[in-house]
Amino acid sequence: MSKTGEIPYTWEEIEAEVRDAIRCQASILETFGPCFKDCNIAMDFLGLPRELHADLEFSMEAPPDFDLERHVIHHLAKEAYRYAYQLDGCWDCDVHVWHEVDTLLQGYPQTDAEGNGSPFCTLNDFPLRRMFETFFARYSLFERETMGDPDIRELSLLANMTVPAVRTSLSKEGFKLERSSGVSRSNQEDKSFRLPREDAILWLSRRRGFIPQRTKPEGEAVREIVVKTLADETMPFHTRIAQAIGLLGEDLATFATAAGLDTEWFDGLMAGRPVSPDVQALRGLAKALGMDEPAFAGTGVRHLLTIDISGDAADPQQ
């Protein structure tokens, strides 16, 4: 059994296996892909110069270094790793990652062209596949209630325990498994029995090796609402700003002083009057609100240019 909340693999280990998985895919493309003249799909896939292919020492078993960042699988691995082990930023993971990881687990090559196992091979328990399966199991359990109940392997991954240890624990604590025909992402273990979702969450909460599910920090949640409020074009510009400042727990006068804004200009802006489109003041306001300065200032200038001298919105047709 692992130590409390221990992450089983370092990011460096996972990244090394991502590289090997990409190499295996390149090997498949090299051996079974297009073979017409001047085509080198494997080199293009890896982002390497085509002339390297003519090098007698070149081998798909150990290709030259290539840029991982150009491969979507590398970005998916980062997202999945954060969520699987509940690292900072895990709350930003969305359902699109879940869908794409599902496809990876079912469709990425399990061997290279020589039949050597890739990190996705179901005959071996490579860290990369285990990490992706852990991500899929956690996201399904906590974010996708309609996905069904976790099976024994998924519980073992989430609790960082062996399958036999999970079975023993469930039996000892009186948890009842139910027979199911649910879809499996691995063929390594018996998948015919699952633990009801609520029981699974309770059982996991008692395991030393389970990394608890994190909630988005309150400040992050408020910031997200502030951003959505300021982007809501159904409200006047000054109304959005007033609501955003209120969400941040400040009054207008205190906020203006802290942001170093000219009081007269700010009061006029918040009253909906036609103040000057001061770009520097708008940038300062954006910074105080935590917004992108150029984009916010541009929105502010457009707003102020639509106000006529009487303080009414100008007719865009005039």
C-alpha atoms as a PDB file:
ATOM      1  CA  MET A   1       0.000   0.000   0.000  1.00  0.00           C
ATOM      2  CA  SER A   2       1.211   3.477  -0.784  1.00  0.00           C
ATOM      3  CA  LYS A   3       1.854   6.289   1.619  1.00  0.00           C
ATOM      4  CA  THR A   4      -1.045   8.671   2.192  1.00  0.00           C
ATOM      5  CA  GLY A   5      -1.892  10.604  -0.969  1.00  0.00           C
ATOM      6  CA  GLU A   6       1.284   9.539  -2.755  1.00  0.00           C
ATOM      7  CA  ILE A   7       1.474  10.131  -6.507  1.00  0.00           C
ATOM      8  CA  PRO A   8       2.723   6.831  -7.961  1.00  0.00           C
ATOM      9  CA  TYR A   9       4.615   8.290 -10.938  1.00  0.00           C
ATOM     10  CA  THR A  10       6.618  11.432 -11.509  1.00  0.00           C
ATOM     11  CA  TRP A  11       5.767  13.647 -14.460  1.00  0.00           C
ATOM     12  CA  GLU A  12       9.213  12.838 -15.890  1.00  0.00           C
ATOM     13  CA  GLU A  13       8.314   9.131 -15.958  1.00  0.00           C
ATOM     14  CA  ILE A  14       5.026   9.836 -17.698  1.00  0.00           C
ATOM     15  CA  GLU A  15       6.611  12.199 -20.208  1.00  0.00           C
ATOM     16  CA  ALA A  16       9.252   9.591 -21.091  1.00  0.00           C
ATOM     17  CA  GLU A  17       6.497   7.095 -21.858  1.00  0.00           C
ATOM     18  CA  VAL A  18       4.596   9.647 -23.934  1.00  0.00           C
ATOM     19  CA  ARG A  19       7.743   9.957 -26.025  1.00  0.00           C
ATOM     20  CA  ASP A  20       7.924   6.178 -26.419  1.00  0.00           C
ATOM     21  CA  ALA A  21       4.247   5.969 -27.374  1.00  0.00           C
ATOM     22  CA  ILE A  22       4.819   8.561 -30.112  1.00  0.00           C
ATOM     23  CA  ARG A  23       7.857   6.608 -31.293  1.00  0.00           C
ATOM     24  CA  CYS A  24       5.733   3.452 -31.572  1.00  0.00           C
ATOM     25  CA  GLN A  25       3.148   5.316 -33.629  1.00  0.00           C
ATOM     26  CA  ALA A  26       5.916   6.607 -35.920  1.00  0.00           C
ATOM     27  CA  SER A  27       7.214   3.063 -36.298  1.00  0.00           C
ATOM     28  CA  ILE A  28       3.773   1.881 -37.429  1.00  0.00           C
ATOM     29  CA  LEU A  29       3.532   4.736 -39.929  1.00  0.00           C
ATOM     30  CA  GLU A  30       7.041   4.047 -41.219  1.00  0.00           C
ATOM     31  CA  THR A  31       6.394   0.355 -41.788  1.00  0.00           C
ATOM     32  CA  PHE A  32       2.769   0.238 -42.874  1.00  0.00           C
ATOM     33  CA  GLY A  33       2.104   3.771 -44.142  1.00  0.00           C
ATOM     34  CA  PRO A  34       2.404   5.240 -47.659  1.00  0.00           C
ATOM     35  CA  CYS A  35       5.448   4.099 -49.622  1.00  0.00           C
ATOM     36  CA  PHE A  36       5.361   6.223 -52.775  1.00  0.00           C
ATOM     37  CA  LYS A  37       8.351   8.313 -53.783  1.00  0.00           C
ATOM     38  CA  ASP A  38       9.218  11.402 -51.738  1.00  0.00           C
ATOM     39  CA  CYS A  39       6.721  10.451 -49.035  1.00  0.00           C
ATOM     40  CA  ASN A  40       8.038  10.173 -45.503  1.00  0.00           C
ATOM     41  CA  ILE A  41       5.048  10.331 -43.227  1.00  0.00           C
ATOM     42  CA  ALA A  42       6.988   9.145 -40.162  1.00  0.00           C
ATOM     43  CA  MET A  43       9.463  12.025 -40.363  1.00  0.00           C
ATOM     44  CA  ASP A  44       6.636  14.500 -40.893  1.00  0.00           C
ATOM     45  CA  PHE A  45       4.778  12.997 -37.944  1.00  0.00           C
ATOM     46  CA  LEU A  46       7.801  13.389 -35.666  1.00  0.00           C
ATOM     47  CA  GLY A  47       8.593  16.836 -37.024  1.00  0.00           C
ATOM     48  CA  LEU A  48      12.086  15.757 -38.095  1.00  0.00           C
ATOM     49  CA  PRO A  49      13.947  16.663 -41.320  1.00  0.00           C
ATOM     50  CA  ARG A  50      13.239  14.126 -44.057  1.00  0.00           C
ATOM     51  CA  GLU A  51      16.915  13.818 -44.891  1.00  0.00           C
ATOM     52  CA  LEU A  52      17.450  12.039 -41.562  1.00  0.00           C
ATOM     53  CA  HIS A  53      15.658   9.065 -43.037  1.00  0.00           C
ATOM     54  CA  ALA A  54      18.543   8.504 -45.432  1.00  0.00           C
ATOM     55  CA  ASP A  55      20.990   8.221 -42.520  1.00  0.00           C
ATOM     56  CA  LEU A  56      22.054   4.581 -42.214  1.00  0.00           C
ATOM     57  CA  GLU A  57      22.139   4.935 -38.440  1.00  0.00           C
ATOM     58  CA  PHE A  58      18.548   6.127 -38.205  1.00  0.00           C
ATOM     59  CA  SER A  59      16.220   3.728 -36.411  1.00  0.00           C
ATOM     60  CA  MET A  60      12.606   3.927 -35.324  1.00  0.00           C
ATOM     61  CA  GLU A  61      13.656   2.032 -32.204  1.00  0.00           C
ATOM     62  CA  ALA A  62      15.708   5.062 -31.136  1.00  0.00           C
ATOM     63  CA  PRO A  63      14.817   8.072 -33.301  1.00  0.00           C
ATOM     64  CA  PRO A  64      16.583  11.406 -32.805  1.00  0.00           C
ATOM     65  CA  ASP A  65      15.107  13.776 -30.263  1.00  0.00           C
ATOM     66  CA  PHE A  66      11.810  15.325 -31.354  1.00  0.00           C
ATOM     67  CA  ASP A  67       9.517  18.023 -29.991  1.00  0.00           C
ATOM     68  CA  LEU A  68       6.847  16.558 -27.720  1.00  0.00           C
ATOM     69  CA  GLU A  69       4.920  19.826 -27.602  1.00  0.00           C
ATOM     70  CA  ARG A  70       3.733  19.418 -31.202  1.00  0.00           C
ATOM     71  CA  HIS A  71       1.818  16.250 -30.282  1.00  0.00           C
ATOM     72  CA  VAL A  72      -1.686  16.473 -28.827  1.00  0.00           C
ATOM     73  CA  ILE A  73      -1.092  13.332 -26.777  1.00  0.00           C
ATOM     74  CA  HIS A  74       1.533  15.239 -24.758  1.00  0.00           C
ATOM     75  CA  HIS A  75      -0.952  17.986 -23.895  1.00  0.00           C
ATOM     76  CA  LEU A  76      -3.608  15.405 -23.012  1.00  0.00           C
ATOM     77  CA  ALA A  77      -1.128  13.657 -20.730  1.00  0.00           C
ATOM     78  CA  LYS A  78      -0.477  16.922 -18.876  1.00  0.00           C
ATOM     79  CA  GLU A  79      -4.190  17.528 -18.346  1.00  0.00           C
ATOM     80  CA  ALA A  80      -4.862  13.928 -17.349  1.00  0.00           C
ATOM     81  CA  TYR A  81      -1.893  13.809 -14.941  1.00  0.00           C
ATOM     82  CA  ARG A  82      -3.074  16.957 -13.150  1.00  0.00           C
ATOM     83  CA  TYR A  83      -6.597  15.625 -12.762  1.00  0.00           C
ATOM     84  CA  ALA A  84      -5.700  12.002 -11.995  1.00  0.00           C
ATOM     85  CA  TYR A  85      -3.582  13.077  -9.027  1.00  0.00           C
ATOM     86  CA  GLN A  86      -5.492  16.291  -8.195  1.00  0.00           C
ATOM     87  CA  LEU A  87      -2.686  18.780  -8.735  1.00  0.00           C
ATOM     88  CA  ASP A  88      -3.158  22.552  -9.044  1.00  0.00           C
ATOM     89  CA  GLY A  89      -5.321  23.362 -12.042  1.00  0.00           C
ATOM     90  CA  CYS A  90      -7.124  20.008 -11.950  1.00  0.00           C
ATOM     91  CA  TRP A  91     -10.479  21.806 -11.651  1.00  0.00           C
ATOM     92  CA  ASP A  92     -10.012  23.277 -15.154  1.00  0.00           C
ATOM     93  CA  CYS A  93     -10.082  19.855 -16.850  1.00  0.00           C
ATOM     94  CA  ASP A  94     -13.152  19.513 -19.066  1.00  0.00           C
ATOM     95  CA  VAL A  95     -15.126  16.708 -20.660  1.00  0.00           C
ATOM     96  CA  HIS A  96     -13.276  17.027 -23.989  1.00  0.00           C
ATOM     97  CA  VAL A  97     -10.125  15.671 -22.330  1.00  0.00           C
ATOM     98  CA  TRP A  98     -12.159  12.775 -20.948  1.00  0.00           C
ATOM     99  CA  HIS A  99     -13.498  11.908 -24.418  1.00  0.00           C
ATOM    100  CA  GLU A 100     -10.055  12.082 -26.033  1.00  0.00           C
ATOM    101  CA  VAL A 101      -8.391   9.989 -23.326  1.00  0.00           C
ATOM    102  CA  ASP A 102     -11.096   7.368 -23.853  1.00  0.00           C
ATOM    103  CA  THR A 103     -10.136   7.269 -27.536  1.00  0.00           C
ATOM    104  CA  LEU A 104      -6.423   7.016 -26.690  1.00  0.00           C
ATOM    105  CA  LEU A 105      -7.002   4.068 -24.376  1.00  0.00           C
ATOM    106  CA  GLN A 106      -8.988   2.222 -27.008  1.00  0.00           C
ATOM    107  CA  GLY A 107      -7.161   3.185 -30.182  1.00  0.00           C
ATOM    108  CA  TYR A 108      -3.514   4.213 -29.740  1.00  0.00           C
ATOM    109  CA  PRO A 109      -1.020   1.569 -31.003  1.00  0.00           C
ATOM    110  CA  GLN A 110      -0.224  -1.093 -28.420  1.00  0.00           C
ATOM    111  CA  THR A 111       3.033  -2.097 -30.121  1.00  0.00           C
ATOM    112  CA  ASP A 112       5.604  -0.728 -32.528  1.00  0.00           C
ATOM    113  CA  ALA A 113       6.094  -2.248 -35.988  1.00  0.00           C
ATOM    114  CA  GLU A 114       8.307  -4.990 -34.499  1.00  0.00           C
ATOM    115  CA  GLY A 115       5.663  -6.087 -32.028  1.00  0.00           C
ATOM    116  CA  ASN A 116       7.369  -4.547 -29.008  1.00  0.00           C
ATOM    117  CA  GLY A 117       4.828  -3.296 -26.478  1.00  0.00           C
ATOM    118  CA  SER A 118       4.050   0.417 -26.377  1.00  0.00           C
ATOM    119  CA  PRO A 119       3.076   2.187 -23.127  1.00  0.00           C
ATOM    120  CA  PHE A 120      -0.549   1.580 -24.165  1.00  0.00           C
ATOM    121  CA  CYS A 121      -0.151  -2.202 -24.333  1.00  0.00           C
ATOM    122  CA  THR A 122      -2.813  -3.945 -22.243  1.00  0.00           C
ATOM    123  CA  LEU A 123      -0.555  -6.969 -21.720  1.00  0.00           C
ATOM    124  CA  ASN A 124       1.755  -4.854 -19.563  1.00  0.00           C
ATOM    125  CA  ASP A 125       0.925  -2.409 -16.808  1.00  0.00           C
ATOM    126  CA  PHE A 126       2.914   0.575 -18.021  1.00  0.00           C
ATOM    127  CA  PRO A 127       2.724   3.809 -15.980  1.00  0.00           C
ATOM    128  CA  LEU A 128       1.318   5.847 -18.890  1.00  0.00           C
ATOM    129  CA  ARG A 129      -1.662   3.555 -19.403  1.00  0.00           C
ATOM    130  CA  ARG A 130      -2.252   3.314 -15.652  1.00  0.00           C
ATOM    131  CA  MET A 131      -2.177   7.102 -15.348  1.00  0.00           C
ATOM    132  CA  PHE A 132      -4.666   7.561 -18.207  1.00  0.00           C
ATOM    133  CA  GLU A 133      -6.916   4.840 -16.764  1.00  0.00           C
ATOM    134  CA  THR A 134      -6.714   6.508 -13.334  1.00  0.00           C
ATOM    135  CA  PHE A 135      -7.738   9.803 -14.917  1.00  0.00           C
ATOM    136  CA  PHE A 136     -10.621   8.165 -16.769  1.00  0.00           C
ATOM    137  CA  ALA A 137     -11.827   6.356 -13.638  1.00  0.00           C
ATOM    138  CA  ARG A 138     -11.680   9.482 -11.457  1.00  0.00           C
ATOM    139  CA  TYR A 139     -13.364  11.746 -14.000  1.00  0.00           C
ATOM    140  CA  SER A 140     -16.081   9.162 -14.642  1.00  0.00           C
ATOM    141  CA  LEU A 141     -16.728   8.722 -10.916  1.00  0.00           C
ATOM    142  CA  PHE A 142     -16.801  12.375  -9.873  1.00  0.00           C
ATOM    143  CA  GLU A 143     -17.828  14.267 -13.022  1.00  0.00           C
ATOM    144  CA  ARG A 144     -19.867  11.808 -15.097  1.00  0.00           C
ATOM    145  CA  GLU A 145     -22.525  10.294 -12.868  1.00  0.00           C
ATOM    146  CA  THR A 146     -24.259   8.567 -15.779  1.00  0.00           C
ATOM    147  CA  MET A 147     -21.140   6.575 -16.675  1.00  0.00           C
ATOM    148  CA  GLY A 148     -21.936   3.769 -14.273  1.00  0.00           C
ATOM    149  CA  ASP A 149     -20.093   2.309 -11.322  1.00  0.00           C
ATOM    150  CA  PRO A 150     -16.319   1.696 -11.007  1.00  0.00           C
ATOM    151  CA  ASP A 151     -14.936  -1.805 -11.413  1.00  0.00           C
ATOM    152  CA  ILE A 152     -12.259  -3.466  -9.298  1.00  0.00           C
ATOM    153  CA  ARG A 153      -9.322  -2.291 -11.403  1.00  0.00           C
ATOM    154  CA  GLU A 154     -10.552   1.285 -11.379  1.00  0.00           C
ATOM    155  CA  LEU A 155     -10.876   1.141  -7.605  1.00  0.00           C
ATOM    156  CA  SER A 156      -7.352  -0.271  -7.339  1.00  0.00           C
ATOM    157  CA  LEU A 157      -5.952   2.561  -9.458  1.00  0.00           C
ATOM    158  CA  LEU A 158      -7.747   5.251  -7.482  1.00  0.00           C
ATOM    159  CA  ALA A 159      -6.788   3.750  -4.118  1.00  0.00           C
ATOM    160  CA  ASN A 160      -3.241   2.921  -5.281  1.00  0.00           C
ATOM    161  CA  MET A 161      -3.705  -0.675  -4.144  1.00  0.00           C
ATOM    162  CA  THR A 162      -3.386  -4.074  -5.795  1.00  0.00           C
ATOM    163  CA  VAL A 163      -6.540  -5.753  -7.092  1.00  0.00           C
ATOM    164  CA  PRO A 164      -6.339  -8.616  -4.536  1.00  0.00           C
ATOM    165  CA  ALA A 165      -5.973  -6.062  -1.733  1.00  0.00           C
ATOM    166  CA  VAL A 166      -9.074  -4.237  -2.979  1.00  0.00           C
ATOM    167  CA  ARG A 167     -11.082  -7.458  -3.030  1.00  0.00           C
ATOM    168  CA  THR A 168      -9.980  -8.306   0.501  1.00  0.00           C
ATOM    169  CA  SER A 169     -10.800  -4.833   1.778  1.00  0.00           C
ATOM    170  CA  LEU A 170     -14.243  -4.751   0.188  1.00  0.00           C
ATOM    171  CA  SER A 171     -15.120  -8.178   1.583  1.00  0.00           C
ATOM    172  CA  LYS A 172     -13.814  -7.361   5.063  1.00  0.00           C
ATOM    173  CA  GLU A 173     -15.751  -4.076   5.238  1.00  0.00           C
ATOM    174  CA  GLY A 174     -18.988  -5.565   3.934  1.00  0.00           C
ATOM    175  CA  PHE A 175     -19.212  -3.774   0.571  1.00  0.00           C
ATOM    176  CA  LYS A 176     -21.249  -5.698  -2.010  1.00  0.00           C
ATOM    177  CA  LEU A 177     -20.105  -5.910  -5.622  1.00  0.00           C
ATOM    178  CA  GLU A 178     -22.685  -6.088  -8.378  1.00  0.00           C
ATOM    179  CA  ARG A 179     -22.389  -7.969 -11.654  1.00  0.00           C
ATOM    180  CA  SER A 180     -22.225  -5.656 -14.644  1.00  0.00           C
ATOM    181  CA  SER A 181     -21.588  -5.744 -18.378  1.00  0.00           C
ATOM    182  CA  GLY A 182     -19.991  -2.279 -18.414  1.00  0.00           C
ATOM    183  CA  VAL A 183     -17.402  -1.271 -21.004  1.00  0.00           C
ATOM    184  CA  SER A 184     -13.753  -1.777 -20.005  1.00  0.00           C
ATOM    185  CA  ARG A 185     -10.695   0.208 -21.097  1.00  0.00           C
ATOM    186  CA  SER A 186      -8.365  -2.637 -20.094  1.00  0.00           C
ATOM    187  CA  ASN A 187      -8.431  -6.418 -20.421  1.00  0.00           C
ATOM    188  CA  GLN A 188      -6.041  -7.074 -17.547  1.00  0.00           C
ATOM    189  CA  GLU A 189      -8.579  -7.879 -14.837  1.00  0.00           C
ATOM    190  CA  ASP A 190     -12.068  -9.306 -14.443  1.00  0.00           C
ATOM    191  CA  LYS A 191     -14.493  -6.484 -15.257  1.00  0.00           C
ATOM    192  CA  SER A 192     -17.753  -8.252 -14.539  1.00  0.00           C
ATOM    193  CA  PHE A 193     -18.212  -6.829 -11.023  1.00  0.00           C
ATOM    194  CA  ARG A 194     -18.604  -3.205 -10.001  1.00  0.00           C
ATOM    195  CA  LEU A 195     -19.137  -1.265  -6.793  1.00  0.00           C
ATOM    196  CA  PRO A 196     -22.108   1.147  -6.668  1.00  0.00           C
ATOM    197  CA  ARG A 197     -20.949   4.737  -7.053  1.00  0.00           C
ATOM    198  CA  GLU A 198     -21.886   5.998  -3.601  1.00  0.00           C
ATOM    199  CA  ASP A 199     -20.285   2.979  -1.942  1.00  0.00           C
ATOM    200  CA  ALA A 200     -17.164   3.497  -4.056  1.00  0.00           C
ATOM    201  CA  ILE A 201     -16.781   7.114  -2.925  1.00  0.00           C
ATOM    202  CA  LEU A 202     -17.251   6.059   0.712  1.00  0.00           C
ATOM    203  CA  TRP A 203     -14.787   3.174   0.431  1.00  0.00           C
ATOM    204  CA  LEU A 204     -12.174   5.341  -1.293  1.00  0.00           C
ATOM    205  CA  SER A 205     -12.474   8.030   1.393  1.00  0.00           C
ATOM    206  CA  ARG A 206     -11.177   5.467   3.903  1.00  0.00           C
ATOM    207  CA  ARG A 207      -8.111   4.457   1.880  1.00  0.00           C
ATOM    208  CA  ARG A 208      -4.707   5.867   2.764  1.00  0.00           C
ATOM    209  CA  GLY A 209      -3.526   5.776  -0.828  1.00  0.00           C
ATOM    210  CA  PHE A 210      -6.507   7.632  -2.285  1.00  0.00           C
ATOM    211  CA  ILE A 211      -5.820  11.246  -3.249  1.00  0.00           C
ATOM    212  CA  PRO A 212      -8.945  13.181  -2.195  1.00  0.00           C
ATOM    213  CA  GLN A 213     -10.949  15.072  -4.767  1.00  0.00           C
ATOM    214  CA  ARG A 214     -10.185  18.794  -4.637  1.00  0.00           C
ATOM    215  CA  THR A 215     -12.670  21.601  -5.083  1.00  0.00           C
ATOM    216  CA  LYS A 216     -11.884  24.825  -6.859  1.00  0.00           C
ATOM    217  CA  PRO A 217     -10.475  27.388  -4.418  1.00  0.00           C
ATOM    218  CA  GLU A 218     -13.024  30.072  -3.542  1.00  0.00           C
ATOM    219  CA  GLY A 219     -10.853  32.801  -5.033  1.00  0.00           C
ATOM    220  CA  GLU A 220     -10.637  30.896  -8.311  1.00  0.00           C
ATOM    221  CA  ALA A 221     -14.406  30.422  -8.385  1.00  0.00           C
ATOM    222  CA  VAL A 222     -15.031  34.135  -7.767  1.00  0.00           C
ATOM    223  CA  ARG A 223     -12.493  35.078 -10.438  1.00  0.00           C
ATOM    224  CA  GLU A 224     -14.297  32.882 -12.943  1.00  0.00           C
ATOM    225  CA  ILE A 225     -17.613  34.623 -12.168  1.00  0.00           C
ATOM    226  CA  VAL A 226     -15.949  38.042 -12.470  1.00  0.00           C
ATOM    227  CA  VAL A 227     -14.620  37.160 -15.925  1.00  0.00           C
ATOM    228  CA  LYS A 228     -18.050  35.935 -17.069  1.00  0.00           C
ATOM    229  CA  THR A 229     -19.713  39.049 -15.680  1.00  0.00           C
ATOM    230  CA  LEU A 230     -17.356  41.413 -17.496  1.00  0.00           C
ATOM    231  CA  ALA A 231     -17.894  39.488 -20.727  1.00  0.00           C
ATOM    232  CA  ASP A 232     -21.703  39.722 -20.512  1.00  0.00           C
ATOM    233  CA  GLU A 233     -22.535  42.194 -23.279  1.00  0.00           C
ATOM    234  CA  THR A 234     -26.218  42.168 -22.391  1.00  0.00           C
ATOM    235  CA  MET A 235     -25.352  44.617 -19.586  1.00  0.00           C
ATOM    236  CA  PRO A 236     -23.967  48.161 -19.991  1.00  0.00           C
ATOM    237  CA  PHE A 237     -20.192  48.376 -19.617  1.00  0.00           C
ATOM    238  CA  HIS A 238     -20.290  50.371 -16.378  1.00  0.00           C
ATOM    239  CA  THR A 239     -22.864  48.005 -14.857  1.00  0.00           C
ATOM    240  CA  ARG A 240     -20.591  45.022 -15.536  1.00  0.00           C
ATOM    241  CA  ILE A 241     -17.698  46.801 -13.837  1.00  0.00           C
ATOM    242  CA  ALA A 242     -19.814  47.669 -10.795  1.00  0.00           C
ATOM    243  CA  GLN A 243     -20.996  44.073 -10.427  1.00  0.00           C
ATOM    244  CA  ALA A 244     -17.458  42.717 -10.829  1.00  0.00           C
ATOM    245  CA  ILE A 245     -16.130  45.054  -8.138  1.00  0.00           C
ATOM    246  CA  GLY A 246     -18.958  43.951  -5.863  1.00  0.00           C
ATOM    247  CA  LEU A 247     -18.067  40.290  -6.448  1.00  0.00           C
ATOM    248  CA  LEU A 248     -14.518  41.091  -5.363  1.00  0.00           C
ATOM    249  CA  GLY A 249     -15.936  42.397  -2.079  1.00  0.00           C
ATOM    250  CA  GLU A 250     -14.942  46.035  -2.513  1.00  0.00           C
ATOM    251  CA  ASP A 251     -16.812  49.338  -2.741  1.00  0.00           C
ATOM    252  CA  LEU A 252     -16.269  51.626  -5.733  1.00  0.00           C
ATOM    253  CA  ALA A 253     -14.358  54.357  -3.897  1.00  0.00           C
ATOM    254  CA  THR A 254     -11.917  51.975  -2.214  1.00  0.00           C
ATOM    255  CA  PHE A 255     -11.393  50.098  -5.456  1.00  0.00           C
ATOM    256  CA  ALA A 256     -10.661  53.271  -7.431  1.00  0.00           C
ATOM    257  CA  THR A 257      -8.143  54.479  -4.853  1.00  0.00           C
ATOM    258  CA  ALA A 258      -6.353  51.122  -4.705  1.00  0.00           C
ATOM    259  CA  ALA A 259      -6.211  51.003  -8.520  1.00  0.00           C
ATOM    260  CA  GLY A 260      -4.775  54.539  -8.716  1.00  0.00           C
ATOM    261  CA  LEU A 261      -7.652  55.814 -10.871  1.00  0.00           C
ATOM    262  CA  ASP A 262      -8.624  59.466 -11.222  1.00  0.00           C
ATOM    263  CA  THR A 263     -11.701  59.848  -9.004  1.00  0.00           C
ATOM    264  CA  GLU A 264     -13.588  62.227 -11.297  1.00  0.00           C
ATOM    265  CA  TRP A 265     -12.969  60.073 -14.371  1.00  0.00           C
ATOM    266  CA  PHE A 266     -13.940  56.864 -12.576  1.00  0.00           C
ATOM    267  CA  ASP A 267     -17.096  58.382 -11.040  1.00  0.00           C
ATOM    268  CA  GLY A 268     -18.163  59.566 -14.475  1.00  0.00           C
ATOM    269  CA  LEU A 269     -17.502  56.162 -16.025  1.00  0.00           C
ATOM    270  CA  MET A 270     -19.495  54.366 -13.336  1.00  0.00           C
ATOM    271  CA  ALA A 271     -22.362  56.831 -13.729  1.00  0.00           C
ATOM    272  CA  GLY A 272     -22.531  56.068 -17.456  1.00  0.00           C
ATOM    273  CA  ARG A 273     -21.436  59.578 -18.434  1.00  0.00           C
ATOM    274  CA  PRO A 274     -19.328  60.310 -21.565  1.00  0.00           C
ATOM    275  CA  VAL A 275     -15.853  60.490 -20.019  1.00  0.00           C
ATOM    276  CA  SER A 276     -12.704  60.526 -22.146  1.00  0.00           C
ATOM    277  CA  PRO A 277     -11.595  57.155 -23.575  1.00  0.00           C
ATOM    278  CA  ASP A 278      -8.404  57.185 -21.478  1.00  0.00           C
ATOM    279  CA  VAL A 279      -6.527  54.056 -22.566  1.00  0.00           C
ATOM    280  CA  GLN A 280      -4.053  54.153 -19.680  1.00  0.00           C
ATOM    281  CA  ALA A 281      -6.872  54.503 -17.141  1.00  0.00           C
ATOM    282  CA  LEU A 282      -8.736  51.615 -18.757  1.00  0.00           C
ATOM    283  CA  ARG A 283      -5.583  49.487 -18.666  1.00  0.00           C
ATOM    284  CA  GLY A 284      -5.196  50.292 -14.962  1.00  0.00           C
ATOM    285  CA  LEU A 285      -8.809  49.301 -14.378  1.00  0.00           C
ATOM    286  CA  ALA A 286      -8.259  46.050 -16.270  1.00  0.00           C
ATOM    287  CA  LYS A 287      -5.177  45.233 -14.185  1.00  0.00           C
ATOM    288  CA  ALA A 288      -7.077  45.862 -10.947  1.00  0.00           C
ATOM    289  CA  LEU A 289      -9.854  43.541 -12.147  1.00  0.00           C
ATOM    290  CA  GLY A 290      -7.387  40.878 -13.262  1.00  0.00           C
ATOM    291  CA  MET A 291      -8.407  41.125 -16.903  1.00  0.00           C
ATOM    292  CA  ASP A 292      -6.393  41.117 -20.118  1.00  0.00           C
ATOM    293  CA  GLU A 293      -5.397  44.790 -20.436  1.00  0.00           C
ATOM    294  CA  PRO A 294      -5.449  45.322 -24.248  1.00  0.00           C
ATOM    295  CA  ALA A 295      -8.757  43.461 -24.710  1.00  0.00           C
ATOM    296  CA  PHE A 296     -10.468  45.220 -21.791  1.00  0.00           C
ATOM    297  CA  ALA A 297      -9.175  48.655 -22.805  1.00  0.00           C
ATOM    298  CA  GLY A 298     -10.391  48.078 -26.347  1.00  0.00           C
ATOM    299  CA  THR A 299     -13.875  47.195 -25.075  1.00  0.00           C
ATOM    300  CA  GLY A 300     -13.866  50.301 -22.878  1.00  0.00           C
ATOM    301  CA  VAL A 301     -12.835  52.621 -25.702  1.00  0.00           C
ATOM    302  CA  ARG A 302     -15.546  51.224 -27.989  1.00  0.00           C
ATOM    303  CA  HIS A 303     -18.102  51.727 -25.219  1.00  0.00           C
ATOM    304  CA  LEU A 304     -17.080  55.319 -24.533  1.00  0.00           C
ATOM    305  CA  LEU A 305     -17.052  56.236 -28.207  1.00  0.00           C
ATOM    306  CA  THR A 306     -20.719  55.198 -28.477  1.00  0.00           C
ATOM    307  CA  ILE A 307     -21.846  57.685 -25.825  1.00  0.00           C
ATOM    308  CA  ASP A 308     -22.902  61.067 -27.138  1.00  0.00           C
ATOM    309  CA  ILE A 309     -22.453  64.316 -25.292  1.00  0.00           C
ATOM    310  CA  SER A 310     -25.830  64.005 -23.573  1.00  0.00           C
ATOM    311  CA  GLY A 311     -24.829  60.708 -22.025  1.00  0.00           C
ATOM    312  CA  ASP A 312     -27.109  58.545 -24.179  1.00  0.00           C
ATOM    313  CA  ALA A 313     -25.846  55.691 -26.294  1.00  0.00           C
ATOM    314  CA  ALA A 314     -25.251  56.831 -29.845  1.00  0.00           C
ATOM    315  CA  ASP A 315     -27.309  55.314 -32.622  1.00  0.00           C
ATOM    316  CA  PRO A 316     -24.950  52.948 -34.463  1.00  0.00           C
ATOM    317  CA  GLN A 317     -26.812  53.726 -37.698  1.00  0.00           C
ATOM    318  CA  GLN A 318     -25.931  57.439 -37.548  1.00  0.00           C
END
